[in-house]
Amino acid sequence: MIHDAASVMQACDRLAAISARSDGIERVYLSDEHARCHALVAPWFEAAGLMTWQDAAGNLCGRMEGASDGLPAVMLGSHLDTVPCAGRYDGILGVMIALAVVERFKAARHTLPFALEVVGFGDEEGVRFGSTLLGSQAIAGGWNARWWGLEDAEGITLTEAFTSFGLVPERIAEAARRPDALVAYLEAHIEQGPYLEAQARPLGVVTAIAGARRFDVECAGHAGHAGTTPMTMRQDALCAASEAVLAIENAARKHGCVATVGKLDTVAGAVNVVPGLVRFSVDIRAQDDALRDQAWAEITAAFESIGAARRVAFSNRETHCAAAVGCAPELQSAIARGIRSVTGEKEPLRLVSGAGHDAMAMANLTDVGMLFLRCAGGISHHPDESVLEEDVALAIDAMVATVSALAETHKVQIETATV
């Protein structure tokens, strides 16, 4: 039973053992590890008193009815998949905190003017098929038919993976929820940054999630012999790409964005060959989509300038685009109220999330709100992820208080509407 901070931490430890690798945690969408995760976690949902099911997209879902059956729900949750060599808290902690919140209301026999639902999304990270937020996009009604042709590293299509997992691709629309079926979506998550720790604060309110764009870039020059090709005649793709990487950094700083080249490969490279073809990735994010797009326009202009000067050709393909998402003011206020009630802070710290979350997809369906917990060193997507048990306890209490605050507001809205 997941009912307090200690049991939440223990649950995260148990889930860390479900991994495709022996040297770290890796649990990707529609894998054997995904199935083993559900086999472990589903009984925890049921122990919390939730009617439990796996939906048509492979998300694990549970529901506790409110004052009467069939009421719209406040959904709590996060994701159960991981990046390669992951930590044990990113995503997973939010699902376990949600279960602890439900247990608290069940134990108090509290009657709510809405149902409570918990969801463990199947694919937030996008590791296997390269397109993120597949689980939450399905629930939000944003599934794109072109995703069915996506392939993993072994050449297995998403359609084939669905079938192997026991899902029916033709039934994917059944995962989608109606907007009137939800009151709000709330997500607790480790901060993935250093700001809470730097200010010695355990919890914070998320105001927005930065919009992100990702690109695969190719720089084509001309390969040549390293010993016989004069420097003045070279069309070195790697030198051009290196200059482009610095241009990306400079544009991000100028426009107040963050931009990262996380992968760079010299194609068919060798120690004695002038590089003729280089491929690299670009990830660019900002709270303001317009600033992000201005930075990208400047970057592409730099590609053209570098290409002309070095006689190479740049091309790019966009692989991901997500607009910035604002958290609903009402939910920000409710979360801030919850934090104040457990920490005594006069005004909780408000933060923009530079990382993407399932809340971005859910915002197309309902109002979203997020609570951040501090993590040691702001480290995430790494085995060194670390949170304090006492912070988890505060997060559970704050989320309980947040749901209670929403219940008060929702009850008043219902009463007002029926007068």
Protein backbone atom coordinates (compact mmCIF):
# COMPACT_ATOMS: atom_id res chain seq x y z
CA MET A 1 0.00 0.00 0.00
CA ILE A 2 1.39 3.39 -1.05
CA HIS A 3 0.21 5.67 1.74
CA ASP A 4 3.13 7.80 2.98
CA ALA A 5 6.56 9.12 2.01
CA ALA A 6 8.40 5.99 3.17
CA SER A 7 6.21 3.70 1.07
CA VAL A 8 6.53 6.04 -1.92
CA MET A 9 10.31 5.86 -1.70
CA GLN A 10 10.20 2.07 -1.34
CA ALA A 11 7.94 1.81 -4.38
CA CYS A 12 10.39 3.87 -6.45
CA ASP A 13 13.17 1.51 -5.35
CA ARG A 14 11.16 -1.54 -6.41
CA LEU A 15 10.38 -0.04 -9.80
CA ALA A 16 14.08 0.77 -10.31
CA ALA A 17 14.71 -2.99 -10.42
CA ILE A 18 12.54 -3.34 -13.55
CA SER A 19 15.05 -2.50 -16.23
CA ALA A 20 16.22 -3.64 -19.64
CA ARG A 21 19.82 -3.18 -18.56
CA SER A 22 21.92 -4.41 -15.65
CA ASP A 23 24.03 -1.25 -15.37
CA GLY A 24 21.16 1.21 -14.85
CA ILE A 25 17.45 1.83 -15.24
CA GLU A 26 15.85 1.65 -18.68
CA ARG A 27 12.15 1.05 -19.20
CA VAL A 28 10.70 2.04 -22.56
CA TYR A 29 7.26 2.06 -24.11
CA LEU A 30 5.56 -1.23 -25.00
CA SER A 31 8.55 -3.28 -23.87
CA ASP A 32 8.67 -6.36 -21.63
CA GLU A 33 9.74 -4.00 -18.84
CA HIS A 34 6.67 -1.84 -19.47
CA ALA A 35 4.47 -4.94 -19.01
CA ARG A 36 6.35 -6.00 -15.86
CA CYS A 37 5.96 -2.49 -14.46
CA HIS A 38 2.19 -2.62 -14.92
CA ALA A 39 2.05 -6.08 -13.35
CA LEU A 40 3.73 -4.64 -10.24
CA VAL A 41 1.94 -1.29 -10.07
CA ALA A 42 -1.64 -2.30 -10.98
CA PRO A 43 -2.16 -4.08 -7.60
CA TRP A 44 -0.99 -0.89 -5.88
CA PHE A 45 -3.71 1.02 -7.75
CA GLU A 46 -6.26 -1.58 -6.66
CA ALA A 47 -5.06 -1.47 -3.04
CA ALA A 48 -5.74 2.28 -3.09
CA GLY A 49 -9.36 1.52 -3.91
CA LEU A 50 -9.09 2.45 -7.58
CA MET A 51 -10.97 0.74 -10.36
CA THR A 52 -7.93 -0.11 -12.48
CA TRP A 53 -7.39 -0.68 -16.19
CA GLN A 54 -4.82 -0.40 -18.97
CA ASP A 55 -6.16 1.87 -21.67
CA ALA A 56 -5.93 1.53 -25.44
CA ALA A 57 -2.58 3.35 -25.55
CA GLY A 58 -0.90 1.31 -22.81
CA ASN A 59 -1.37 3.84 -20.00
CA LEU A 60 -2.16 2.47 -16.53
CA CYS A 61 -5.32 4.15 -15.19
CA GLY A 62 -7.33 4.06 -11.97
CA ARG A 63 -10.46 5.79 -10.71
CA MET A 64 -12.11 6.45 -7.34
CA GLU A 65 -15.63 7.82 -7.59
CA GLY A 66 -16.65 11.03 -5.85
CA ALA A 67 -19.86 11.90 -4.03
CA SER A 68 -21.77 10.13 -6.80
CA ASP A 69 -20.77 7.90 -9.68
CA GLY A 70 -19.79 9.33 -13.02
CA LEU A 71 -18.64 12.78 -11.90
CA PRO A 72 -15.85 14.57 -13.80
CA ALA A 73 -12.43 13.77 -12.36
CA VAL A 74 -9.34 15.49 -11.08
CA MET A 75 -6.56 13.42 -12.63
CA LEU A 76 -3.24 12.99 -10.82
CA GLY A 77 -0.17 11.29 -12.21
CA SER A 78 2.96 11.27 -14.33
CA HIS A 79 4.87 8.70 -16.39
CA LEU A 80 6.34 5.26 -15.71
CA ASP A 81 8.80 5.05 -18.62
CA THR A 82 12.42 6.19 -18.38
CA VAL A 83 15.37 7.38 -20.42
CA PRO A 84 18.39 5.06 -20.69
CA CYS A 85 20.54 5.04 -17.51
CA ALA A 86 17.76 6.91 -15.69
CA GLY A 87 17.25 7.91 -12.12
CA ARG A 88 14.47 6.38 -10.09
CA TYR A 89 12.26 9.44 -9.49
CA ASP A 90 11.66 11.29 -12.77
CA GLY A 91 8.00 10.59 -13.55
CA ILE A 92 7.69 7.58 -11.28
CA LEU A 93 7.64 9.71 -8.12
CA GLY A 94 4.62 11.65 -9.40
CA VAL A 95 2.59 8.47 -9.91
CA MET A 96 3.44 7.16 -6.45
CA ILE A 97 2.62 10.51 -4.80
CA ALA A 98 -0.74 10.44 -6.60
CA LEU A 99 -1.48 7.02 -5.07
CA ALA A 100 -0.56 8.31 -1.62
CA VAL A 101 -2.94 11.25 -2.10
CA VAL A 102 -5.79 8.90 -3.04
CA GLU A 103 -5.03 6.72 -0.01
CA ARG A 104 -5.27 9.81 2.21
CA PHE A 105 -8.75 10.68 0.97
CA LYS A 106 -9.86 7.06 1.13
CA ALA A 107 -8.67 6.73 4.74
CA ALA A 108 -10.41 9.97 5.73
CA ARG A 109 -13.62 8.79 4.02
CA HIS A 110 -13.66 12.23 2.43
CA THR A 111 -16.50 12.81 -0.03
CA LEU A 112 -15.32 14.87 -2.97
CA PRO A 113 -17.46 16.76 -5.52
CA PHE A 114 -15.43 15.08 -8.26
CA ALA A 115 -13.83 11.71 -8.90
CA LEU A 116 -10.10 11.15 -8.43
CA GLU A 117 -8.12 9.41 -11.14
CA VAL A 118 -4.49 8.32 -11.22
CA VAL A 119 -2.59 7.72 -14.46
CA GLY A 120 0.82 6.23 -15.13
CA PHE A 121 1.55 7.36 -18.70
CA GLY A 122 3.32 4.81 -20.86
CA ASP A 123 5.56 7.03 -22.98
CA GLU A 124 6.57 10.50 -21.91
CA GLU A 125 10.25 10.26 -22.80
CA GLY A 126 9.89 9.14 -26.43
CA VAL A 127 13.01 6.97 -26.19
CA ARG A 128 11.87 4.01 -28.25
CA PHE A 129 10.09 5.63 -31.19
CA GLY A 130 11.46 9.18 -31.05
CA SER A 131 8.11 10.96 -30.62
CA THR A 132 7.44 12.11 -27.07
CA LEU A 133 4.25 12.17 -24.98
CA LEU A 134 2.55 9.34 -26.87
CA GLY A 135 0.59 8.17 -23.81
CA SER A 136 -0.72 11.57 -22.79
CA GLN A 137 -1.36 12.60 -26.40
CA ALA A 138 -3.65 9.57 -26.73
CA ILE A 139 -5.63 10.54 -23.63
CA ALA A 140 -5.81 14.16 -24.77
CA GLY A 141 -7.17 13.11 -28.17
CA GLY A 142 -4.03 14.19 -30.02
CA TRP A 143 -2.95 10.88 -31.50
CA ASN A 144 -1.44 11.32 -34.97
CA ALA A 145 -1.96 8.50 -37.47
CA ARG A 146 1.49 9.07 -39.00
CA TRP A 147 3.04 7.76 -35.76
CA TRP A 148 2.03 4.21 -36.68
CA GLY A 149 4.93 4.02 -39.11
CA LEU A 150 7.59 5.08 -36.58
CA GLU A 151 10.31 2.48 -36.05
CA ASP A 152 12.55 1.68 -33.10
CA ALA A 153 16.26 0.86 -33.35
CA GLU A 154 15.44 -2.74 -34.31
CA GLY A 155 13.11 -1.68 -37.11
CA ILE A 156 9.95 -2.61 -35.20
CA THR A 157 7.10 -0.27 -36.09
CA LEU A 158 4.81 1.28 -33.52
CA THR A 159 1.95 -0.72 -35.02
CA GLU A 160 3.89 -3.97 -34.52
CA ALA A 161 4.83 -2.99 -30.97
CA PHE A 162 1.18 -2.28 -30.12
CA THR A 163 0.15 -5.71 -31.37
CA SER A 164 2.98 -7.50 -29.54
CA PHE A 165 2.03 -5.72 -26.32
CA GLY A 166 -1.56 -6.93 -26.66
CA LEU A 167 -3.03 -3.64 -27.76
CA VAL A 168 -5.23 -3.09 -30.82
CA PRO A 169 -4.09 -0.14 -32.99
CA GLU A 170 -7.60 0.29 -34.42
CA ARG A 171 -8.92 0.99 -30.92
CA ILE A 172 -6.50 3.83 -30.07
CA ALA A 173 -9.34 6.40 -30.09
CA GLU A 174 -10.82 4.66 -27.05
CA ALA A 175 -7.98 6.10 -24.93
CA ALA A 176 -9.16 9.68 -25.56
CA ARG A 177 -11.12 11.45 -22.83
CA ARG A 178 -13.79 14.09 -23.30
CA PRO A 179 -12.98 17.57 -21.98
CA ASP A 180 -16.10 17.50 -19.80
CA ALA A 181 -14.88 14.27 -18.14
CA LEU A 182 -12.03 16.08 -16.36
CA VAL A 183 -11.87 18.96 -13.90
CA ALA A 184 -8.09 19.30 -13.99
CA TYR A 185 -4.80 17.46 -14.33
CA LEU A 186 -2.20 17.74 -11.53
CA GLU A 187 1.34 16.44 -11.66
CA ALA A 188 4.06 16.30 -9.00
CA HIS A 189 7.59 16.05 -10.38
CA ILE A 190 11.20 16.51 -9.35
CA GLU A 191 12.34 19.95 -10.39
CA GLN A 192 15.11 18.88 -12.83
CA GLY A 193 16.93 22.09 -11.99
CA PRO A 194 18.83 23.75 -9.12
CA TYR A 195 16.55 26.62 -8.11
CA LEU A 196 14.59 25.09 -5.23
CA GLU A 197 17.73 23.65 -3.67
CA ALA A 198 19.59 26.93 -4.10
CA GLN A 199 16.89 28.72 -2.10
CA ALA A 200 16.52 25.93 0.47
CA ARG A 201 12.89 25.36 -0.49
CA PRO A 202 11.36 21.89 -0.65
CA LEU A 203 8.50 22.64 -3.06
CA GLY A 204 7.60 25.05 -5.81
CA VAL A 205 4.74 26.05 -8.11
CA VAL A 206 5.20 25.59 -11.85
CA THR A 207 3.90 28.55 -13.84
CA ALA A 208 4.64 27.31 -17.36
CA ILE A 209 6.39 24.63 -19.38
CA ALA A 210 8.83 25.80 -22.02
CA GLY A 211 8.04 25.19 -25.67
CA ALA A 212 10.50 22.93 -27.46
CA ARG A 213 11.59 22.23 -31.02
CA ARG A 214 14.00 19.52 -32.13
CA PHE A 215 15.84 19.11 -35.42
CA ASP A 216 18.09 16.63 -37.16
CA VAL A 217 20.70 18.63 -39.07
CA GLU A 218 22.99 17.39 -41.84
CA CYS A 219 26.14 19.15 -43.01
CA ALA A 220 27.45 17.84 -46.34
CA GLY A 221 30.93 18.74 -47.50
CA HIS A 222 33.42 16.63 -49.43
CA ALA A 223 35.58 13.87 -48.05
CA GLY A 224 39.27 13.85 -48.90
CA HIS A 225 42.61 12.39 -47.94
CA ALA A 226 43.93 13.96 -44.74
CA GLY A 227 47.47 14.03 -46.06
CA THR A 228 46.95 15.24 -49.60
CA THR A 229 44.01 17.66 -49.49
CA PRO A 230 45.35 21.22 -49.02
CA MET A 231 43.73 23.25 -46.24
CA THR A 232 42.62 25.88 -48.74
CA MET A 233 40.73 23.30 -50.81
CA ARG A 234 38.96 21.47 -48.04
CA GLN A 235 35.18 21.23 -47.66
CA ASP A 236 35.40 19.93 -44.10
CA ALA A 237 31.91 19.15 -42.80
CA LEU A 238 33.07 18.72 -39.22
CA CYS A 239 34.78 22.12 -39.05
CA ALA A 240 31.62 23.70 -40.48
CA ALA A 241 29.44 21.80 -38.02
CA SER A 242 31.68 22.86 -35.14
CA GLU A 243 31.25 26.49 -36.13
CA ALA A 244 27.50 25.90 -36.36
CA VAL A 245 27.39 24.47 -32.84
CA LEU A 246 28.91 27.69 -31.48
CA ALA A 247 26.43 29.74 -33.53
CA ILE A 248 23.60 27.76 -31.91
CA GLU A 249 24.98 28.53 -28.45
CA ASN A 250 25.37 32.24 -29.23
CA ALA A 251 21.84 32.56 -30.63
CA ALA A 252 20.33 30.89 -27.57
CA ARG A 253 22.14 33.25 -25.22
CA LYS A 254 21.13 36.28 -27.27
CA HIS A 255 17.43 35.39 -27.31
CA GLY A 256 17.10 34.09 -23.74
CA CYS A 257 16.58 30.45 -24.80
CA VAL A 258 18.35 27.21 -24.09
CA ALA A 259 19.73 25.22 -27.02
CA THR A 260 21.63 21.95 -27.02
CA VAL A 261 23.51 19.85 -29.54
CA GLY A 262 23.24 16.50 -27.82
CA LYS A 263 24.39 14.27 -30.68
CA LEU A 264 27.04 14.81 -33.35
CA ASP A 265 28.24 12.05 -35.67
CA THR A 266 30.89 12.07 -38.37
CA VAL A 267 29.47 9.71 -40.97
CA ALA A 268 32.00 7.13 -42.25
CA GLY A 269 34.72 9.02 -40.43
CA ALA A 270 38.32 7.86 -40.12
CA VAL A 271 41.48 9.30 -38.61
CA ASN A 272 43.02 9.96 -42.04
CA VAL A 273 39.93 11.31 -43.83
CA VAL A 274 38.70 14.90 -44.09
CA PRO A 275 35.08 14.63 -42.85
CA GLY A 276 32.61 14.82 -45.70
CA LEU A 277 29.31 14.35 -43.86
CA VAL A 278 28.22 15.24 -40.33
CA ARG A 279 24.85 14.83 -38.67
CA PHE A 280 23.84 16.49 -35.41
CA SER A 281 20.78 17.24 -33.33
CA VAL A 282 19.44 20.57 -32.08
CA ASP A 283 17.07 20.94 -29.12
CA ILE A 284 15.88 24.51 -28.54
CA ARG A 285 13.48 25.64 -25.82
CA ALA A 286 12.02 28.82 -24.34
CA GLN A 287 9.09 29.98 -22.24
CA ASP A 288 8.17 32.26 -25.15
CA ASP A 289 7.63 30.43 -28.46
CA ALA A 290 8.28 33.61 -30.45
CA LEU A 291 11.73 34.07 -28.89
CA ARG A 292 12.52 30.41 -29.50
CA ASP A 293 11.53 30.73 -33.15
CA GLN A 294 13.52 33.93 -33.57
CA ALA A 295 16.59 32.13 -32.24
CA TRP A 296 16.03 29.26 -34.68
CA ALA A 297 15.70 31.70 -37.59
CA GLU A 298 19.03 33.22 -36.61
CA ILE A 299 20.57 29.75 -36.37
CA THR A 300 19.43 28.76 -39.86
CA ALA A 301 20.79 32.04 -41.21
CA ALA A 302 24.12 31.15 -39.59
CA PHE A 303 24.01 27.75 -41.31
CA GLU A 304 23.68 29.49 -44.67
CA SER A 305 26.53 31.88 -43.93
CA ILE A 306 28.85 29.14 -42.67
CA GLY A 307 27.90 26.92 -45.58
CA ALA A 308 28.70 29.61 -48.13
CA ALA A 309 32.04 30.43 -46.53
CA ARG A 310 33.14 26.79 -46.21
CA ARG A 311 31.48 25.47 -49.40
CA VAL A 312 29.30 22.96 -47.55
CA ALA A 313 25.53 22.49 -47.50
CA PHE A 314 23.32 22.42 -44.41
CA SER A 315 19.86 20.85 -44.33
CA ASN A 316 17.53 20.17 -41.43
CA ARG A 317 14.41 18.19 -40.57
CA GLU A 318 12.15 19.07 -37.65
CA THR A 319 11.42 16.01 -35.49
CA HIS A 320 9.46 17.57 -32.62
CA CYS A 321 7.54 20.77 -31.95
CA ALA A 322 5.66 21.55 -28.75
CA ALA A 323 4.23 24.93 -27.87
CA ALA A 324 4.88 26.48 -24.48
CA VAL A 325 2.12 25.73 -22.00
CA GLY A 326 0.92 27.92 -19.16
CA CYS A 327 -0.36 26.30 -15.99
CA ALA A 328 -3.88 27.41 -15.10
CA PRO A 329 -3.88 30.39 -12.66
CA GLU A 330 -6.55 28.71 -10.52
CA LEU A 331 -4.42 25.59 -10.17
CA GLN A 332 -1.29 27.63 -9.48
CA SER A 333 -3.17 29.31 -6.66
CA ALA A 334 -4.43 26.02 -5.28
CA ILE A 335 -0.94 24.48 -5.36
CA ALA A 336 0.55 27.60 -3.74
CA ARG A 337 -2.09 27.38 -1.03
CA GLY A 338 -1.23 23.73 -0.51
CA ILE A 339 2.48 24.49 -0.23
CA ARG A 340 1.88 27.35 2.22
CA SER A 341 -0.21 25.05 4.40
CA VAL A 342 2.64 22.57 4.86
CA THR A 343 5.76 24.75 4.77
CA GLY A 344 4.54 27.99 6.32
CA GLU A 345 6.10 29.98 3.47
CA LYS A 346 4.53 33.35 2.83
CA GLU A 347 4.94 32.96 -0.91
CA PRO A 348 6.14 29.72 -2.56
CA LEU A 349 8.74 29.89 -5.28
CA ARG A 350 7.27 29.97 -8.78
CA LEU A 351 9.23 28.29 -11.55
CA VAL A 352 9.15 27.73 -15.30
CA SER A 353 9.88 24.16 -16.32
CA GLY A 354 12.52 23.89 -19.00
CA ALA A 355 11.79 20.18 -19.32
CA GLY A 356 8.76 18.79 -21.10
CA HIS A 357 6.02 16.92 -19.23
CA ASP A 358 2.80 15.04 -19.91
CA ALA A 359 1.02 18.17 -18.69
CA MET A 360 1.90 19.75 -22.06
CA ALA A 361 -0.31 17.27 -23.90
CA MET A 362 -2.99 17.28 -21.21
CA ALA A 363 -3.29 21.06 -21.53
CA ASN A 364 -5.08 20.44 -24.84
CA LEU A 365 -7.79 18.63 -22.88
CA THR A 366 -8.10 20.33 -19.49
CA ASP A 367 -6.47 22.82 -17.10
CA VAL A 368 -3.09 21.65 -15.82
CA GLY A 369 -1.06 22.37 -12.71
CA MET A 370 2.34 21.15 -11.54
CA LEU A 371 4.18 20.98 -8.24
CA PHE A 372 7.97 20.65 -8.17
CA LEU A 373 10.07 18.92 -5.50
CA ARG A 374 13.69 19.86 -5.08
CA CYS A 375 16.28 17.31 -6.11
CA ALA A 376 19.93 17.16 -5.12
CA GLY A 377 22.06 19.27 -7.43
CA GLY A 378 19.13 19.68 -9.80
CA ILE A 379 20.19 16.37 -11.36
CA SER A 380 17.70 14.46 -13.50
CA HIS A 381 17.81 11.80 -16.24
CA HIS A 382 20.77 10.32 -14.38
CA PRO A 383 21.31 7.60 -11.75
CA ASP A 384 22.27 10.33 -9.26
CA GLU A 385 18.69 11.62 -9.00
CA SER A 386 18.02 12.10 -5.29
CA VAL A 387 15.14 13.45 -3.24
CA LEU A 388 14.58 13.73 0.51
CA GLU A 389 11.90 11.60 2.15
CA GLU A 390 10.81 14.61 4.19
CA ASP A 391 10.28 16.59 0.95
CA VAL A 392 8.16 13.74 -0.43
CA ALA A 393 6.08 13.86 2.75
CA LEU A 394 5.54 17.59 2.27
CA ALA A 395 4.63 17.05 -1.37
CA ILE A 396 1.97 14.49 -0.45
CA ASP A 397 0.51 16.84 2.16
CA ALA A 398 0.62 19.77 -0.26
CA MET A 399 -1.15 17.80 -3.00
CA VAL A 400 -3.82 16.67 -0.54
CA ALA A 401 -4.33 20.30 0.44
CA THR A 402 -4.42 21.29 -3.25
CA VAL A 403 -7.13 18.74 -4.04
CA SER A 404 -9.07 19.88 -0.97
CA ALA A 405 -8.83 23.50 -2.13
CA LEU A 406 -10.11 22.49 -5.57
CA ALA A 407 -12.96 20.59 -3.92
CA GLU A 408 -14.04 23.74 -2.07
CA THR A 409 -13.95 25.80 -5.26
CA HIS A 410 -15.66 23.13 -7.35
CA LYS A 411 -18.42 22.66 -4.79
CA VAL A 412 -19.14 26.38 -4.77
CA GLN A 413 -19.20 26.42 -8.58
CA ILE A 414 -21.69 23.55 -8.63
CA GLU A 415 -23.90 25.16 -6.00
CA THR A 416 -23.81 28.49 -7.84
CA ALA A 417 -24.68 26.83 -11.14
CA THR A 418 -27.71 25.09 -9.63
CA VAL A 419 -29.20 28.18 -7.96
